[in-house]
């Protein structure tokens, strides 16, 4: 939804490389063969190969979600007693994608910090990730907007404390148990 028709027109133009006319309009009317690039825009077309892969992936969507949901529930049950904050419960009438399982690990509470936990998991051949740093932590936002981490203390603290655990439909029960076991070792539980 746009605030004005002018905004809607600009968004359409930006989605067409910033061109004044799309190919269909140019082909439909011989008097409008030429176009102008009025501002730098974007193009986000999906390739045919990506579409073909996507169609196959769609058939795997439900089974993959169900498997990730099983893993999610296993994590929640097995990690409740650890000194970490688990993901919030789902809001009513929603269906979480179960694409990231993040724990909040704060040194003051757990005796181990984000970087140390990621390193510990790596020593046990478990890949984990850091999602997401607060925007003011990134040089691009500091440079462009002058934002500084201390201006967003809660977002900065959360970004510096969040660790994403492995969560893919391809994980075996042993894989999940290995993650849980390594986490328990990290916290001496």
Protein backbone atom coordinates (compact mmCIF):
# COMPACT_ATOMS: atom_id res chain seq x y z
CA UNK A 1 0.00 0.00 0.00
CA UNK A 2 1.38 3.37 -0.98
CA UNK A 3 0.56 6.76 0.45
CA UNK A 4 0.03 8.21 -3.03
CA UNK A 5 -0.28 7.25 -6.67
CA UNK A 6 3.05 9.00 -7.27
CA UNK A 7 4.72 6.65 -4.78
CA UNK A 8 3.11 3.63 -6.48
CA UNK A 9 4.33 4.77 -9.90
CA UNK A 10 7.83 5.31 -8.55
CA UNK A 11 7.93 1.82 -7.03
CA UNK A 12 6.81 0.28 -10.33
CA UNK A 13 9.51 2.25 -12.14
CA UNK A 14 12.21 1.23 -9.62
CA UNK A 15 11.22 -2.43 -10.08
CA UNK A 16 11.89 -2.03 -13.83
CA UNK A 17 15.51 -0.82 -13.59
CA UNK A 18 14.13 2.70 -13.21
CA UNK A 19 12.76 2.59 -16.78
CA UNK A 20 9.85 4.73 -17.85
CA UNK A 21 8.07 1.92 -19.72
CA UNK A 22 8.07 -1.85 -19.37
CA UNK A 23 8.72 -4.19 -22.31
CA UNK A 24 5.06 -5.17 -22.73
CA UNK A 25 3.96 -1.56 -23.13
CA UNK A 26 6.78 -0.89 -25.59
CA UNK A 27 5.90 -3.94 -27.72
CA UNK A 28 2.18 -3.28 -27.67
CA UNK A 29 2.46 0.22 -29.07
CA UNK A 30 5.01 0.84 -31.89
CA UNK A 31 4.97 4.55 -31.10
CA UNK A 32 6.41 3.75 -27.67
CA UNK A 33 9.43 1.64 -28.64
CA UNK A 34 11.88 3.72 -26.68
CA UNK A 35 12.18 4.17 -22.95
CA UNK A 36 14.25 6.25 -20.60
CA UNK A 37 16.00 5.16 -17.44
CA UNK A 38 14.73 7.89 -15.15
CA UNK A 39 16.57 6.76 -12.01
CA UNK A 40 18.71 3.84 -10.92
CA UNK A 41 16.38 0.95 -10.14
CA UNK A 42 16.37 -2.79 -9.56
CA UNK A 43 15.35 -6.04 -11.23
CA UNK A 44 14.41 -9.08 -9.23
CA UNK A 45 13.14 -11.56 -11.80
CA UNK A 46 13.45 -15.21 -10.91
CA UNK A 47 15.40 -17.22 -13.46
CA UNK A 48 13.78 -20.22 -15.16
CA UNK A 49 16.23 -22.51 -13.36
CA UNK A 50 15.33 -21.00 -9.98
CA UNK A 51 11.63 -21.38 -10.79
CA UNK A 52 12.09 -25.05 -11.76
CA UNK A 53 13.96 -25.76 -8.53
CA UNK A 54 11.32 -23.82 -6.59
CA UNK A 55 8.47 -25.88 -8.02
CA UNK A 56 10.16 -29.09 -6.84
CA UNK A 57 10.93 -27.53 -3.45
CA UNK A 58 7.26 -26.60 -2.98
CA UNK A 59 6.36 -30.30 -2.86
CA UNK A 60 8.78 -30.65 0.07
CA UNK A 61 7.46 -27.65 1.98
CA UNK A 62 5.05 -29.38 4.36
CA UNK A 63 7.19 -32.42 5.20
CA UNK A 64 10.18 -30.14 5.80
CA UNK A 65 8.18 -27.85 8.04
CA UNK A 66 6.88 -30.80 10.07
CA UNK A 67 10.42 -32.12 10.58
CA UNK A 68 11.74 -28.71 11.60
CA UNK A 69 8.80 -28.40 14.00
CA UNK A 70 9.71 -31.77 15.59
CA UNK A 71 13.29 -30.58 16.06
CA UNK A 72 12.06 -27.25 17.44
CA UNK A 73 9.91 -29.02 20.04
CA UNK A 74 12.78 -31.36 20.94
CA UNK A 75 15.05 -28.34 21.52
CA UNK A 76 12.44 -26.56 23.65
CA UNK A 77 11.87 -29.65 25.81
CA UNK A 78 15.56 -30.47 26.21
CA UNK A 79 16.94 -26.95 26.78
CA UNK A 80 14.45 -25.49 29.26
CA UNK A 81 16.77 -25.91 32.24
CA UNK A 82 19.79 -24.25 30.60
CA UNK A 83 20.77 -20.66 31.51
CA UNK A 84 19.64 -19.30 28.13
CA UNK A 85 16.50 -17.60 26.91
CA UNK A 86 14.60 -19.79 24.47
CA UNK A 87 12.48 -18.46 21.61
CA UNK A 88 9.15 -16.92 22.56
CA UNK A 89 6.03 -19.02 22.24
CA UNK A 90 4.12 -18.66 18.99
CA UNK A 91 1.54 -15.92 18.89
CA UNK A 92 -2.05 -17.17 18.63
CA UNK A 93 -3.36 -17.81 15.13
CA UNK A 94 0.15 -17.92 13.63
CA UNK A 95 2.36 -20.57 12.13
CA UNK A 96 6.06 -20.02 12.68
CA UNK A 97 8.30 -21.04 9.77
CA UNK A 98 10.71 -22.79 12.15
CA UNK A 99 13.62 -21.58 10.06
CA UNK A 100 15.83 -20.32 12.92
CA UNK A 101 16.07 -21.54 16.50
CA UNK A 102 17.78 -18.76 18.41
CA UNK A 103 18.88 -18.82 22.02
CA UNK A 104 19.86 -15.74 23.95
CA UNK A 105 23.05 -16.42 25.90
CA UNK A 106 24.18 -13.71 28.27
CA UNK A 107 27.53 -14.04 30.02
CA UNK A 108 26.22 -12.59 33.29
CA UNK A 109 23.61 -15.33 33.55
CA UNK A 110 25.32 -18.30 31.96
CA UNK A 111 29.04 -17.78 32.49
CA UNK A 112 29.66 -18.02 28.74
CA UNK A 113 29.14 -15.49 25.99
CA UNK A 114 27.98 -15.64 22.38
CA UNK A 115 31.42 -16.00 20.79
CA UNK A 116 32.53 -18.61 23.31
CA UNK A 117 29.37 -20.66 22.76
CA UNK A 118 29.78 -20.59 18.97
CA UNK A 119 33.44 -21.67 19.37
CA UNK A 120 32.45 -24.46 21.78
CA UNK A 121 29.84 -25.78 19.36
CA UNK A 122 32.35 -25.62 16.49
CA UNK A 123 34.79 -27.76 18.52
CA UNK A 124 32.04 -30.37 18.59
CA UNK A 125 31.49 -30.12 14.82
CA UNK A 126 28.26 -28.20 15.23
CA UNK A 127 27.73 -25.19 13.04
CA UNK A 128 25.85 -22.30 14.59
CA UNK A 129 25.26 -18.74 13.56
CA UNK A 130 24.85 -15.24 14.86
CA UNK A 131 21.52 -13.74 13.80
CA UNK A 132 21.32 -10.76 13.90
CA UNK A 133 23.49 -7.88 14.98
CA UNK A 134 21.69 -4.60 15.62
CA UNK A 135 21.79 -2.30 12.59
CA UNK A 136 23.85 0.39 14.38
CA UNK A 137 26.64 -2.19 14.77
CA UNK A 138 27.18 -2.26 10.99
CA UNK A 139 29.52 0.26 9.34
CA UNK A 140 27.09 0.98 6.49
CA UNK A 141 24.45 2.28 8.91
CA UNK A 142 27.00 4.11 11.01
CA UNK A 143 28.36 5.83 7.93
CA UNK A 144 25.05 6.60 6.22
CA UNK A 145 22.89 7.50 9.23
CA UNK A 146 25.40 8.12 11.99
CA UNK A 147 23.82 5.40 14.13
CA UNK A 148 25.82 4.08 17.08
CA UNK A 149 25.29 0.88 19.08
CA UNK A 150 24.86 2.75 22.37
CA UNK A 151 21.78 4.46 20.91
CA UNK A 152 19.95 1.12 20.79
CA UNK A 153 21.07 -0.66 23.96
CA UNK A 154 18.42 -3.40 23.94
CA UNK A 155 18.86 -4.29 20.27
CA UNK A 156 22.63 -4.19 20.67
CA UNK A 157 22.55 -6.44 23.77
CA UNK A 158 20.25 -8.95 22.05
CA UNK A 159 22.34 -8.97 18.87
CA UNK A 160 25.48 -9.60 20.90
CA UNK A 161 23.80 -12.45 22.78
CA UNK A 162 21.88 -14.39 20.14
CA UNK A 163 23.09 -17.72 18.76
CA UNK A 164 21.23 -19.68 16.07
CA UNK A 165 21.30 -23.44 16.54
CA UNK A 166 21.20 -25.88 13.62
CA UNK A 167 17.65 -26.44 12.37
CA UNK A 168 17.17 -28.21 9.06
CA UNK A 169 14.76 -30.91 7.97
CA UNK A 170 17.75 -33.10 7.07
CA UNK A 171 18.94 -33.40 10.67
CA UNK A 172 18.79 -36.88 12.16
CA UNK A 173 17.76 -37.54 15.75
CA UNK A 174 21.42 -38.14 16.51
CA UNK A 175 22.30 -34.73 15.04
CA UNK A 176 19.72 -33.06 17.27
CA UNK A 177 20.94 -34.98 20.32
CA UNK A 178 24.54 -33.99 19.50
CA UNK A 179 23.53 -30.30 19.52
CA UNK A 180 21.74 -30.71 22.84
CA UNK A 181 24.65 -32.63 24.36
CA UNK A 182 27.19 -30.01 23.26
CA UNK A 183 25.03 -27.24 24.68
CA UNK A 184 24.72 -29.05 28.01
CA UNK A 185 28.52 -29.44 28.10
CA UNK A 186 28.97 -25.74 27.38
CA UNK A 187 26.90 -24.89 30.45
CA UNK A 188 28.16 -27.81 32.58
CA UNK A 189 24.63 -29.24 32.79
